[in-house]
Amino acid sequence: MEAFITLAIGVWQIVVVVLLVLLLFGGRKIPELMRGVGQGMREFKKATSEDADDDIVDDTVDKKKIKDGKD
């Protein structure tokens, strides 16, 4: 599937998209947009890692209950 997407998007399509973004937002607004995207990605990674940590803690608590014979 990824190979199909890679082949479907060519260099010229990427150039057109970049030019459209420049025309729509202007050169000064793009760094702000990218900064916002970076912060969003950082928050998403933080939330997913916290969720994974919570799952690990819950699993160890459940294993202790099973080991101790508590239900």
C-alpha atoms as a PDB file:
ATOM      1  CA  MET A   1       0.000   0.000   0.000  1.00  0.00           C
ATOM      2  CA  GLU A   2       2.806   2.436   0.853  1.00  0.00           C
ATOM      3  CA  ALA A   3       4.527   1.700  -2.445  1.00  0.00           C
ATOM      4  CA  PHE A   4       1.342   2.610  -4.305  1.00  0.00           C
ATOM      5  CA  ILE A   5       1.054   5.917  -2.444  1.00  0.00           C
ATOM      6  CA  THR A   6       4.713   6.685  -3.102  1.00  0.00           C
ATOM      7  CA  LEU A   7       4.296   6.010  -6.799  1.00  0.00           C
ATOM      8  CA  ALA A   8       1.020   7.926  -6.989  1.00  0.00           C
ATOM      9  CA  ILE A   9       2.570  11.158  -5.658  1.00  0.00           C
ATOM     10  CA  GLY A  10       5.223  12.590  -7.919  1.00  0.00           C
ATOM     11  CA  VAL A  11       7.711  15.403  -7.537  1.00  0.00           C
ATOM     12  CA  TRP A  12       5.535  17.844  -9.471  1.00  0.00           C
ATOM     13  CA  GLN A  13       2.532  17.188  -7.272  1.00  0.00           C
ATOM     14  CA  ILE A  14       4.619  17.932  -4.183  1.00  0.00           C
ATOM     15  CA  VAL A  15       5.919  21.144  -5.769  1.00  0.00           C
ATOM     16  CA  VAL A  16       2.368  22.262  -6.581  1.00  0.00           C
ATOM     17  CA  VAL A  17       1.198  21.573  -3.015  1.00  0.00           C
ATOM     18  CA  VAL A  18       4.142  23.502  -1.542  1.00  0.00           C
ATOM     19  CA  LEU A  19       3.460  26.454  -3.840  1.00  0.00           C
ATOM     20  CA  LEU A  20      -0.229  26.442  -2.910  1.00  0.00           C
ATOM     21  CA  VAL A  21       0.641  26.434   0.786  1.00  0.00           C
ATOM     22  CA  LEU A  22       3.004  29.355   0.238  1.00  0.00           C
ATOM     23  CA  LEU A  23       0.335  31.280  -1.641  1.00  0.00           C
ATOM     24  CA  LEU A  24      -2.385  30.583   0.902  1.00  0.00           C
ATOM     25  CA  PHE A  25      -0.480  31.170   4.114  1.00  0.00           C
ATOM     26  CA  GLY A  26       2.528  33.248   3.102  1.00  0.00           C
ATOM     27  CA  GLY A  27       6.140  32.772   4.102  1.00  0.00           C
ATOM     28  CA  ARG A  28       5.786  34.296   7.555  1.00  0.00           C
ATOM     29  CA  LYS A  29       2.902  32.104   8.681  1.00  0.00           C
ATOM     30  CA  ILE A  30       4.486  28.746   7.760  1.00  0.00           C
ATOM     31  CA  PRO A  31       6.950  28.600  10.711  1.00  0.00           C
ATOM     32  CA  GLU A  32       4.061  29.228  13.094  1.00  0.00           C
ATOM     33  CA  LEU A  33       2.043  26.456  11.458  1.00  0.00           C
ATOM     34  CA  MET A  34       4.954  24.022  11.649  1.00  0.00           C
ATOM     35  CA  ARG A  35       5.570  24.954  15.284  1.00  0.00           C
ATOM     36  CA  GLY A  36       1.930  24.166  16.028  1.00  0.00           C
ATOM     37  CA  VAL A  37       2.209  20.832  14.225  1.00  0.00           C
ATOM     38  CA  GLY A  38       5.336  19.988  16.230  1.00  0.00           C
ATOM     39  CA  GLN A  39       3.652  20.844  19.521  1.00  0.00           C
ATOM     40  CA  GLY A  40       0.648  18.754  18.566  1.00  0.00           C
ATOM     41  CA  MET A  41       2.856  15.768  17.733  1.00  0.00           C
ATOM     42  CA  ARG A  42       4.737  16.191  21.006  1.00  0.00           C
ATOM     43  CA  GLU A  43       1.499  16.262  23.008  1.00  0.00           C
ATOM     44  CA  PHE A  44       0.208  13.207  21.138  1.00  0.00           C
ATOM     45  CA  LYS A  45       3.391  11.238  21.858  1.00  0.00           C
ATOM     46  CA  LYS A  46       3.267  12.305  25.509  1.00  0.00           C
ATOM     47  CA  ALA A  47      -0.368  11.229  25.836  1.00  0.00           C
ATOM     48  CA  THR A  48       0.254   7.856  24.184  1.00  0.00           C
ATOM     49  CA  SER A  49       3.311   7.173  26.337  1.00  0.00           C
ATOM     50  CA  GLU A  50       1.384   8.109  29.500  1.00  0.00           C
ATOM     51  CA  ASP A  51      -1.427   5.803  28.404  1.00  0.00           C
ATOM     52  CA  ALA A  52       1.071   2.978  27.838  1.00  0.00           C
ATOM     53  CA  ASP A  53       2.595   3.625  31.289  1.00  0.00           C
ATOM     54  CA  ASP A  54      -0.864   3.477  32.846  1.00  0.00           C
ATOM     55  CA  ASP A  55      -1.512   0.141  31.134  1.00  0.00           C
ATOM     56  CA  ILE A  56       1.770  -1.249  32.483  1.00  0.00           C
ATOM     57  CA  VAL A  57       0.895  -0.133  36.021  1.00  0.00           C
ATOM     58  CA  ASP A  58      -2.596  -1.636  35.719  1.00  0.00           C
ATOM     59  CA  ASP A  59      -1.149  -4.937  34.464  1.00  0.00           C
ATOM     60  CA  THR A  60       1.305  -5.195  37.371  1.00  0.00           C
ATOM     61  CA  VAL A  61      -1.483  -4.461  39.863  1.00  0.00           C
ATOM     62  CA  ASP A  62      -3.661  -7.148  38.244  1.00  0.00           C
ATOM     63  CA  LYS A  63      -0.779  -9.649  38.300  1.00  0.00           C
ATOM     64  CA  LYS A  64      -0.153  -8.936  42.003  1.00  0.00           C
ATOM     65  CA  LYS A  65      -3.832  -9.537  42.763  1.00  0.00           C
ATOM     66  CA  ILE A  66      -3.766 -12.847  40.888  1.00  0.00           C
ATOM     67  CA  LYS A  67      -0.489 -13.868  42.569  1.00  0.00           C
ATOM     68  CA  ASP A  68      -1.806 -13.025  46.036  1.00  0.00           C
ATOM     69  CA  GLY A  69      -5.086 -14.826  45.338  1.00  0.00           C
ATOM     70  CA  LYS A  70      -7.148 -11.688  45.618  1.00  0.00           C
ATOM     71  CA  ASP A  71      -9.856 -11.010  43.112  1.00  0.00           C
END
